Amino acid sequence: MTQGRQVPSFWPRILEKQKIKFAHTSFQWRNNASSNAAVICVIIGLCPKYISGAKLFDGKVFSDVSSISPYLIPINPGICRRFWKIYI
């Protein structure tokens, strides 16, 4: 949802009326089961576009930023569309 082909498929309709208010970049989560499955997680909170400011968390550090893109970087929310170029 924050990398590769998922971004242009998932985010455009959401970002029409909302923005990312806070986000925590990817981190590994493990459960307490005996086989101890592990997954990579992100946490994203949305709000109406008219609310200003955002917080971006990375580990134990956070930054107050003006906006967060769907790629979870502190820039205006732009989305990379599919781009193919063949080099011969």
PDB file of N, CA and C in Angstrom:
ATOM      1  N   MET A   1       0.808  -1.188   0.000  1.00  0.00           N
ATOM      2  CA  MET A   1       0.000   0.000   0.000  1.00  0.00           C
ATOM      3  C   MET A   1       0.859   1.262   0.000  1.00  0.00           C
ATOM      4  N   THR A   2       2.147   1.153   0.308  1.00  0.00           N
ATOM      5  CA  THR A   2       3.022   2.332   0.296  1.00  0.00           C
ATOM      6  C   THR A   2       4.232   2.161  -0.616  1.00  0.00           C
ATOM      7  N   GLN A   3       4.241   1.099  -1.418  1.00  0.00           N
ATOM      8  CA  GLN A   3       5.366   0.848  -2.316  1.00  0.00           C
ATOM      9  C   GLN A   3       4.853   0.284  -3.634  1.00  0.00           C
ATOM     10  N   GLY A   4       5.571   0.562  -4.690  1.00  0.00           N
ATOM     11  CA  GLY A   4       5.342  -0.085  -5.981  1.00  0.00           C
ATOM     12  C   GLY A   4       3.981   0.142  -6.587  1.00  0.00           C
ATOM     13  N   ARG A   5       3.460  -0.893  -7.223  1.00  0.00           N
ATOM     14  CA  ARG A   5       2.204  -0.807  -7.987  1.00  0.00           C
ATOM     15  C   ARG A   5       0.968  -0.568  -7.129  1.00  0.00           C
ATOM     16  N   GLN A   6       1.053  -0.858  -5.841  1.00  0.00           N
ATOM     17  CA  GLN A   6      -0.106  -0.671  -4.977  1.00  0.00           C
ATOM     18  C   GLN A   6      -0.469   0.808  -4.809  1.00  0.00           C
ATOM     19  N   VAL A   7       0.518   1.690  -4.827  1.00  0.00           N
ATOM     20  CA  VAL A   7       0.271   3.108  -4.565  1.00  0.00           C
ATOM     21  C   VAL A   7      -0.697   3.716  -5.576  1.00  0.00           C
ATOM     22  N   PRO A   8      -0.437   3.643  -6.901  1.00  0.00           N
ATOM     23  CA  PRO A   8      -1.383   4.269  -7.838  1.00  0.00           C
ATOM     24  C   PRO A   8      -2.732   3.562  -7.910  1.00  0.00           C
ATOM     25  N   SER A   9      -2.821   2.326  -7.460  1.00  0.00           N
ATOM     26  CA  SER A   9      -4.097   1.613  -7.444  1.00  0.00           C
ATOM     27  C   SER A   9      -4.931   1.979  -6.223  1.00  0.00           C
ATOM     28  N   PHE A  10      -4.276   2.202  -5.105  1.00  0.00           N
ATOM     29  CA  PHE A  10      -4.960   2.352  -3.821  1.00  0.00           C
ATOM     30  C   PHE A  10      -5.258   3.805  -3.438  1.00  0.00           C
ATOM     31  N   TRP A  11      -4.311   4.717  -3.625  1.00  0.00           N
ATOM     32  CA  TRP A  11      -4.381   6.045  -3.021  1.00  0.00           C
ATOM     33  C   TRP A  11      -5.156   7.148  -3.742  1.00  0.00           C
ATOM     34  N   PRO A  12      -5.253   7.201  -5.060  1.00  0.00           N
ATOM     35  CA  PRO A  12      -5.880   8.370  -5.691  1.00  0.00           C
ATOM     36  C   PRO A  12      -7.275   8.717  -5.183  1.00  0.00           C
ATOM     37  N   ARG A  13      -8.164   7.765  -5.042  1.00  0.00           N
ATOM     38  CA  ARG A  13      -9.532   8.066  -4.570  1.00  0.00           C
ATOM     39  C   ARG A  13      -9.541   8.508  -3.118  1.00  0.00           C
ATOM     40  N   ILE A  14      -8.673   7.931  -2.306  1.00  0.00           N
ATOM     41  CA  ILE A  14      -8.610   8.321  -0.895  1.00  0.00           C
ATOM     42  C   ILE A  14      -8.144   9.764  -0.768  1.00  0.00           C
ATOM     43  N   LEU A  15      -7.130  10.142  -1.549  1.00  0.00           N
ATOM     44  CA  LEU A  15      -6.542  11.474  -1.431  1.00  0.00           C
ATOM     45  C   LEU A  15      -7.384  12.576  -2.069  1.00  0.00           C
ATOM     46  N   GLU A  16      -8.505  12.226  -2.695  1.00  0.00           N
ATOM     47  CA  GLU A  16      -9.402  13.260  -3.219  1.00  0.00           C
ATOM     48  C   GLU A  16      -9.979  14.113  -2.095  1.00  0.00           C
ATOM     49  N   LYS A  17     -10.324  13.498  -0.971  1.00  0.00           N
ATOM     50  CA  LYS A  17     -10.961  14.221   0.133  1.00  0.00           C
ATOM     51  C   LYS A  17     -10.204  14.142   1.450  1.00  0.00           C
ATOM     52  N   GLN A  18      -9.195  13.297   1.508  1.00  0.00           N
ATOM     53  CA  GLN A  18      -8.473  13.109   2.758  1.00  0.00           C
ATOM     54  C   GLN A  18      -6.977  13.279   2.536  1.00  0.00           C
ATOM     55  N   LYS A  19      -6.247  13.358   3.645  1.00  0.00           N
ATOM     56  CA  LYS A  19      -4.790  13.402   3.592  1.00  0.00           C
ATOM     57  C   LYS A  19      -4.239  12.528   4.698  1.00  0.00           C
ATOM     58  N   ILE A  20      -2.963  12.233   4.621  1.00  0.00           N
ATOM     59  CA  ILE A  20      -2.314  11.446   5.667  1.00  0.00           C
ATOM     60  C   ILE A  20      -1.949  12.399   6.794  1.00  0.00           C
ATOM     61  N   LYS A  21      -2.531  12.212   7.956  1.00  0.00           N
ATOM     62  CA  LYS A  21      -2.282  13.061   9.124  1.00  0.00           C
ATOM     63  C   LYS A  21      -1.077  12.579   9.919  1.00  0.00           C
ATOM     64  N   PHE A  22      -0.927  11.252  10.031  1.00  0.00           N
ATOM     65  CA  PHE A  22       0.252  10.694  10.689  1.00  0.00           C
ATOM     66  C   PHE A  22       0.577   9.353  10.053  1.00  0.00           C
ATOM     67  N   ALA A  23       1.842   8.991  10.132  1.00  0.00           N
ATOM     68  CA  ALA A  23       2.259   7.695   9.590  1.00  0.00           C
ATOM     69  C   ALA A  23       3.498   7.224  10.322  1.00  0.00           C
ATOM     70  N   HIS A  24       3.603   5.932  10.471  1.00  0.00           N
ATOM     71  CA  HIS A  24       4.806   5.297  11.012  1.00  0.00           C
ATOM     72  C   HIS A  24       5.374   4.463   9.886  1.00  0.00           C
ATOM     73  N   THR A  25       6.631   4.718   9.518  1.00  0.00           N
ATOM     74  CA  THR A  25       7.253   3.967   8.432  1.00  0.00           C
ATOM     75  C   THR A  25       7.362   2.491   8.799  1.00  0.00           C
ATOM     76  N   SER A  26       7.730   1.670   7.843  1.00  0.00           N
ATOM     77  CA  SER A  26       7.692   0.219   8.016  1.00  0.00           C
ATOM     78  C   SER A  26       8.526  -0.269   9.202  1.00  0.00           C
ATOM     79  N   PHE A  27       7.964  -1.248   9.879  1.00  0.00           N
ATOM     80  CA  PHE A  27       8.649  -1.892  11.000  1.00  0.00           C
ATOM     81  C   PHE A  27       8.227  -3.354  11.041  1.00  0.00           C
ATOM     82  N   GLN A  28       9.053  -4.180  11.627  1.00  0.00           N
ATOM     83  CA  GLN A  28       8.746  -5.608  11.716  1.00  0.00           C
ATOM     84  C   GLN A  28       7.954  -5.875  12.988  1.00  0.00           C
ATOM     85  N   TRP A  29       6.882  -6.644  12.849  1.00  0.00           N
ATOM     86  CA  TRP A  29       6.050  -7.030  13.985  1.00  0.00           C
ATOM     87  C   TRP A  29       6.068  -8.545  14.084  1.00  0.00           C
ATOM     88  N   ARG A  30       6.217  -9.034  15.293  1.00  0.00           N
ATOM     89  CA  ARG A  30       6.189 -10.477  15.544  1.00  0.00           C
ATOM     90  C   ARG A  30       5.088 -10.776  16.552  1.00  0.00           C
ATOM     91  N   ASN A  31       4.469 -11.937  16.390  1.00  0.00           N
ATOM     92  CA  ASN A  31       3.462 -12.326  17.373  1.00  0.00           C
ATOM     93  C   ASN A  31       4.086 -13.236  18.426  1.00  0.00           C
ATOM     94  N   ASN A  32       3.295 -13.644  19.383  1.00  0.00           N
ATOM     95  CA  ASN A  32       3.807 -14.473  20.472  1.00  0.00           C
ATOM     96  C   ASN A  32       3.602 -15.974  20.242  1.00  0.00           C
ATOM     97  N   ALA A  33       3.166 -16.345  19.062  1.00  0.00           N
ATOM     98  CA  ALA A  33       2.932 -17.764  18.776  1.00  0.00           C
ATOM     99  C   ALA A  33       4.253 -18.529  18.754  1.00  0.00           C
ATOM    100  N   SER A  34       4.170 -19.822  18.922  1.00  0.00           N
ATOM    101  CA  SER A  34       5.388 -20.635  18.964  1.00  0.00           C
ATOM    102  C   SER A  34       6.164 -20.584  17.646  1.00  0.00           C
ATOM    103  N   SER A  35       5.458 -20.454  16.523  1.00  0.00           N
ATOM    104  CA  SER A  35       6.154 -20.365  15.237  1.00  0.00           C
ATOM    105  C   SER A  35       6.633 -18.933  14.957  1.00  0.00           C
ATOM    106  N   ASN A  36       6.163 -17.980  15.747  1.00  0.00           N
ATOM    107  CA  ASN A  36       6.625 -16.588  15.727  1.00  0.00           C
ATOM    108  C   ASN A  36       6.643 -15.975  14.333  1.00  0.00           C
ATOM    109  N   ALA A  37       5.467 -15.907  13.718  1.00  0.00           N
ATOM    110  CA  ALA A  37       5.350 -15.290  12.400  1.00  0.00           C
ATOM    111  C   ALA A  37       5.745 -13.815  12.477  1.00  0.00           C
ATOM    112  N   ALA A  38       6.360 -13.301  11.430  1.00  0.00           N
ATOM    113  CA  ALA A  38       6.770 -11.898  11.392  1.00  0.00           C
ATOM    114  C   ALA A  38       6.246 -11.259  10.112  1.00  0.00           C
ATOM    115  N   VAL A  39       5.774 -10.041  10.226  1.00  0.00           N
ATOM    116  CA  VAL A  39       5.291  -9.298   9.071  1.00  0.00           C
ATOM    117  C   VAL A  39       5.860  -7.880   9.129  1.00  0.00           C
ATOM    118  N   ILE A  40       5.879  -7.206   7.992  1.00  0.00           N
ATOM    119  CA  ILE A  40       6.285  -5.811   7.937  1.00  0.00           C
ATOM    120  C   ILE A  40       5.014  -4.967   7.959  1.00  0.00           C
ATOM    121  N   CYS A  41       4.955  -3.980   8.852  1.00  0.00           N
ATOM    122  CA  CYS A  41       3.758  -3.163   9.045  1.00  0.00           C
ATOM    123  C   CYS A  41       4.045  -1.683   8.811  1.00  0.00           C
ATOM    124  N   VAL A  42       3.007  -0.934   8.482  1.00  0.00           N
ATOM    125  CA  VAL A  42       3.012   0.522   8.510  1.00  0.00           C
ATOM    126  C   VAL A  42       1.731   0.937   9.222  1.00  0.00           C
ATOM    127  N   ILE A  43       1.754   2.103   9.831  1.00  0.00           N
ATOM    128  CA  ILE A  43       0.558   2.649  10.474  1.00  0.00           C
ATOM    129  C   ILE A  43       0.282   3.988   9.810  1.00  0.00           C
ATOM    130  N   ILE A  44      -0.960   4.176   9.350  1.00  0.00           N
ATOM    131  CA  ILE A  44      -1.324   5.402   8.645  1.00  0.00           C
ATOM    132  C   ILE A  44      -2.648   5.905   9.185  1.00  0.00           C
ATOM    133  N   GLY A  45      -2.686   7.200   9.536  1.00  0.00           N
ATOM    134  CA  GLY A  45      -3.913   7.840   9.987  1.00  0.00           C
ATOM    135  C   GLY A  45      -4.332   8.908   8.995  1.00  0.00           C
ATOM    136  N   LEU A  46      -5.630   8.952   8.684  1.00  0.00           N
ATOM    137  CA  LEU A  46      -6.161   9.903   7.710  1.00  0.00           C
ATOM    138  C   LEU A  46      -7.006  10.964   8.396  1.00  0.00           C
ATOM    139  N   CYS A  47      -7.156  12.112   7.731  1.00  0.00           N
ATOM    140  CA  CYS A  47      -8.028  13.176   8.207  1.00  0.00           C
ATOM    141  C   CYS A  47      -8.506  13.974   6.999  1.00  0.00           C
ATOM    142  N   PRO A  48      -9.502  14.857   7.180  1.00  0.00           N
ATOM    143  CA  PRO A  48      -9.927  15.709   6.064  1.00  0.00           C
ATOM    144  C   PRO A  48      -8.767  16.581   5.585  1.00  0.00           C
ATOM    145  N   LYS A  49      -8.782  16.903   4.286  1.00  0.00           N
ATOM    146  CA  LYS A  49      -7.691  17.677   3.685  1.00  0.00           C
ATOM    147  C   LYS A  49      -7.474  19.033   4.341  1.00  0.00           C
ATOM    148  N   TYR A  50      -8.536  19.660   4.858  1.00  0.00           N
ATOM    149  CA  TYR A  50      -8.421  21.026   5.375  1.00  0.00           C
ATOM    150  C   TYR A  50      -7.674  21.115   6.714  1.00  0.00           C
ATOM    151  N   ILE A  51      -7.400  20.011   7.372  1.00  0.00           N
ATOM    152  CA  ILE A  51      -6.663  20.026   8.639  1.00  0.00           C
ATOM    153  C   ILE A  51      -5.168  20.101   8.322  1.00  0.00           C
ATOM    154  N   SER A  52      -4.481  21.062   8.914  1.00  0.00           N
ATOM    155  CA  SER A  52      -3.072  21.269   8.567  1.00  0.00           C
ATOM    156  C   SER A  52      -2.131  20.433   9.431  1.00  0.00           C
ATOM    157  N   GLY A  53      -0.903  20.286   8.935  1.00  0.00           N
ATOM    158  CA  GLY A  53       0.154  19.597   9.668  1.00  0.00           C
ATOM    159  C   GLY A  53       0.049  18.087   9.590  1.00  0.00           C
ATOM    160  N   ALA A  54       1.177  17.446   9.877  1.00  0.00           N
ATOM    161  CA  ALA A  54       1.242  15.984   9.884  1.00  0.00           C
ATOM    162  C   ALA A  54       2.437  15.554  10.726  1.00  0.00           C
ATOM    163  N   LYS A  55       2.425  14.315  11.174  1.00  0.00           N
ATOM    164  CA  LYS A  55       3.541  13.749  11.938  1.00  0.00           C
ATOM    165  C   LYS A  55       3.999  12.475  11.254  1.00  0.00           C
ATOM    166  N   LEU A  56       5.308  12.375  11.066  1.00  0.00           N
ATOM    167  CA  LEU A  56       5.895  11.195  10.444  1.00  0.00           C
ATOM    168  C   LEU A  56       6.827  10.541  11.455  1.00  0.00           C
ATOM    169  N   PHE A  57       6.533   9.297  11.803  1.00  0.00           N
ATOM    170  CA  PHE A  57       7.304   8.539  12.789  1.00  0.00           C
ATOM    171  C   PHE A  57       8.218   7.557  12.071  1.00  0.00           C
ATOM    172  N   ASP A  58       9.443   7.451  12.568  1.00  0.00           N
ATOM    173  CA  ASP A  58      10.411   6.493  12.034  1.00  0.00           C
ATOM    174  C   ASP A  58      11.193   5.961  13.228  1.00  0.00           C
ATOM    175  N   GLY A  59      10.842   4.755  13.654  1.00  0.00           N
ATOM    176  CA  GLY A  59      11.437   4.224  14.872  1.00  0.00           C
ATOM    177  C   GLY A  59      10.969   5.049  16.064  1.00  0.00           C
ATOM    178  N   LYS A  60      11.899   5.517  16.883  1.00  0.00           N
ATOM    179  CA  LYS A  60      11.558   6.322  18.057  1.00  0.00           C
ATOM    180  C   LYS A  60      11.608   7.819  17.760  1.00  0.00           C
ATOM    181  N   VAL A  61      11.853   8.194  16.516  1.00  0.00           N
ATOM    182  CA  VAL A  61      11.977   9.595  16.115  1.00  0.00           C
ATOM    183  C   VAL A  61      10.734  10.012  15.342  1.00  0.00           C
ATOM    184  N   PHE A  62      10.227  11.223  15.586  1.00  0.00           N
ATOM    185  CA  PHE A  62       9.134  11.726  14.774  1.00  0.00           C
ATOM    186  C   PHE A  62       9.441  13.139  14.315  1.00  0.00           C
ATOM    187  N   SER A  63       8.816  13.512  13.203  1.00  0.00           N
ATOM    188  CA  SER A  63       8.999  14.838  12.626  1.00  0.00           C
ATOM    189  C   SER A  63       7.641  15.472  12.398  1.00  0.00           C
ATOM    190  N   ASP A  64       7.522  16.755  12.715  1.00  0.00           N
ATOM    191  CA  ASP A  64       6.348  17.527  12.321  1.00  0.00           C
ATOM    192  C   ASP A  64       6.601  17.991  10.898  1.00  0.00           C
ATOM    193  N   VAL A  65       5.713  17.618   9.980  1.00  0.00           N
ATOM    194  CA  VAL A  65       5.885  17.948   8.567  1.00  0.00           C
ATOM    195  C   VAL A  65       4.600  18.579   8.036  1.00  0.00           C
ATOM    196  N   SER A  66       4.701  19.249   6.904  1.00  0.00           N
ATOM    197  CA  SER A  66       3.505  19.876   6.334  1.00  0.00           C
ATOM    198  C   SER A  66       2.611  18.850   5.637  1.00  0.00           C
ATOM    199  N   SER A  67       3.203  17.815   5.033  1.00  0.00           N
ATOM    200  CA  SER A  67       2.412  16.773   4.373  1.00  0.00           C
ATOM    201  C   SER A  67       3.235  15.495   4.243  1.00  0.00           C
ATOM    202  N   ILE A  68       2.512  14.396   4.011  1.00  0.00           N
ATOM    203  CA  ILE A  68       3.141  13.074   3.864  1.00  0.00           C
ATOM    204  C   ILE A  68       2.586  12.444   2.593  1.00  0.00           C
ATOM    205  N   SER A  69       3.468  11.944   1.748  1.00  0.00           N
ATOM    206  CA  SER A  69       3.018  11.292   0.511  1.00  0.00           C
ATOM    207  C   SER A  69       2.629   9.839   0.808  1.00  0.00           C
ATOM    208  N   PRO A  70       1.935   9.181  -0.120  1.00  0.00           N
ATOM    209  CA  PRO A  70       1.597   7.765   0.062  1.00  0.00           C
ATOM    210  C   PRO A  70       2.817   6.859   0.174  1.00  0.00           C
ATOM    211  N   TYR A  71       3.990   7.377  -0.220  1.00  0.00           N
ATOM    212  CA  TYR A  71       5.220   6.600  -0.080  1.00  0.00           C
ATOM    213  C   TYR A  71       5.847   6.799   1.299  1.00  0.00           C
ATOM    214  N   LEU A  72       5.136   7.522   2.169  1.00  0.00           N
ATOM    215  CA  LEU A  72       5.547   7.815   3.551  1.00  0.00           C
ATOM    216  C   LEU A  72       6.854   8.594   3.609  1.00  0.00           C
ATOM    217  N   ILE A  73       6.941   9.598   2.777  1.00  0.00           N
ATOM    218  CA  ILE A  73       8.045  10.557   2.822  1.00  0.00           C
ATOM    219  C   ILE A  73       7.440  11.952   2.945  1.00  0.00           C
ATOM    220  N   PRO A  74       8.157  12.886   3.564  1.00  0.00           N
ATOM    221  CA  PRO A  74       7.578  14.202   3.853  1.00  0.00           C
ATOM    222  C   PRO A  74       7.587  15.166   2.660  1.00  0.00           C
ATOM    223  N   ILE A  75       6.753  14.856   1.667  1.00  0.00           N
ATOM    224  CA  ILE A  75       6.577  15.741   0.515  1.00  0.00           C
ATOM    225  C   ILE A  75       5.097  15.807   0.172  1.00  0.00           C
ATOM    226  N   ASN A  76       4.721  16.727  -0.718  1.00  0.00           N
ATOM    227  CA  ASN A  76       3.328  16.789  -1.158  1.00  0.00           C
ATOM    228  C   ASN A  76       2.918  15.466  -1.775  1.00  0.00           C
ATOM    229  N   PRO A  77       1.667  15.064  -1.547  1.00  0.00           N
ATOM    230  CA  PRO A  77       1.235  13.739  -1.992  1.00  0.00           C
ATOM    231  C   PRO A  77       1.112  13.625  -3.509  1.00  0.00           C
ATOM    232  N   GLY A  78       2.166  13.208  -4.156  1.00  0.00           N
ATOM    233  CA  GLY A  78       2.137  12.881  -5.573  1.00  0.00           C
ATOM    234  C   GLY A  78       2.252  11.378  -5.724  1.00  0.00           C
ATOM    235  N   ILE A  79       1.789  10.866  -6.849  1.00  0.00           N
ATOM    236  CA  ILE A  79       1.810   9.428  -7.078  1.00  0.00           C
ATOM    237  C   ILE A  79       2.516   9.155  -8.396  1.00  0.00           C
ATOM    238  N   CYS A  80       3.474   8.252  -8.371  1.00  0.00           N
ATOM    239  CA  CYS A  80       4.169   7.841  -9.595  1.00  0.00           C
ATOM    240  C   CYS A  80       3.276   6.878 -10.353  1.00  0.00           C
ATOM    241  N   ARG A  81       3.002   7.214 -11.574  1.00  0.00           N
ATOM    242  CA  ARG A  81       2.220   6.319 -12.444  1.00  0.00           C
ATOM    243  C   ARG A  81       3.162   5.333 -13.108  1.00  0.00           C
ATOM    244  N   ARG A  82       2.603   4.371 -13.757  1.00  0.00           N
ATOM    245  CA  ARG A  82       3.402   3.358 -14.436  1.00  0.00           C
ATOM    246  C   ARG A  82       4.285   4.021 -15.492  1.00  0.00           C
ATOM    247  N   PHE A  83       5.526   3.625 -15.521  1.00  0.00           N
ATOM    248  CA  PHE A  83       6.483   4.167 -16.484  1.00  0.00           C
ATOM    249  C   PHE A  83       7.372   3.024 -16.947  1.00  0.00           C
ATOM    250  N   TRP A  84       7.357   2.757 -18.201  1.00  0.00           N
ATOM    251  CA  TRP A  84       8.179   1.680 -18.757  1.00  0.00           C
ATOM    252  C   TRP A  84       9.061   2.257 -19.847  1.00  0.00           C
ATOM    253  N   LYS A  85      10.324   1.986 -19.771  1.00  0.00           N
ATOM    254  CA  LYS A  85      11.242   2.377 -20.828  1.00  0.00           C
ATOM    255  C   LYS A  85      12.171   1.197 -21.064  1.00  0.00           C
ATOM    256  N   ILE A  86      12.266   0.795 -22.295  1.00  0.00           N
ATOM    257  CA  ILE A  86      13.074  -0.369 -22.632  1.00  0.00           C
ATOM    258  C   ILE A  86      14.384   0.115 -23.214  1.00  0.00           C
ATOM    259  N   TYR A  87      15.479  -0.346 -22.646  1.00  0.00           N
ATOM    260  CA  TYR A  87      16.805  -0.016 -23.140  1.00  0.00           C
ATOM    261  C   TYR A  87      17.358  -1.209 -23.904  1.00  0.00           C
ATOM    262  N   ILE A  88      17.819  -0.971 -25.112  1.00  0.00           N
ATOM    263  CA  ILE A  88      18.375  -2.056 -25.944  1.00  0.00           C
ATOM    264  C   ILE A  88      19.834  -1.758 -26.216  1.00  0.00           C
TER     265      ILE A  88
END
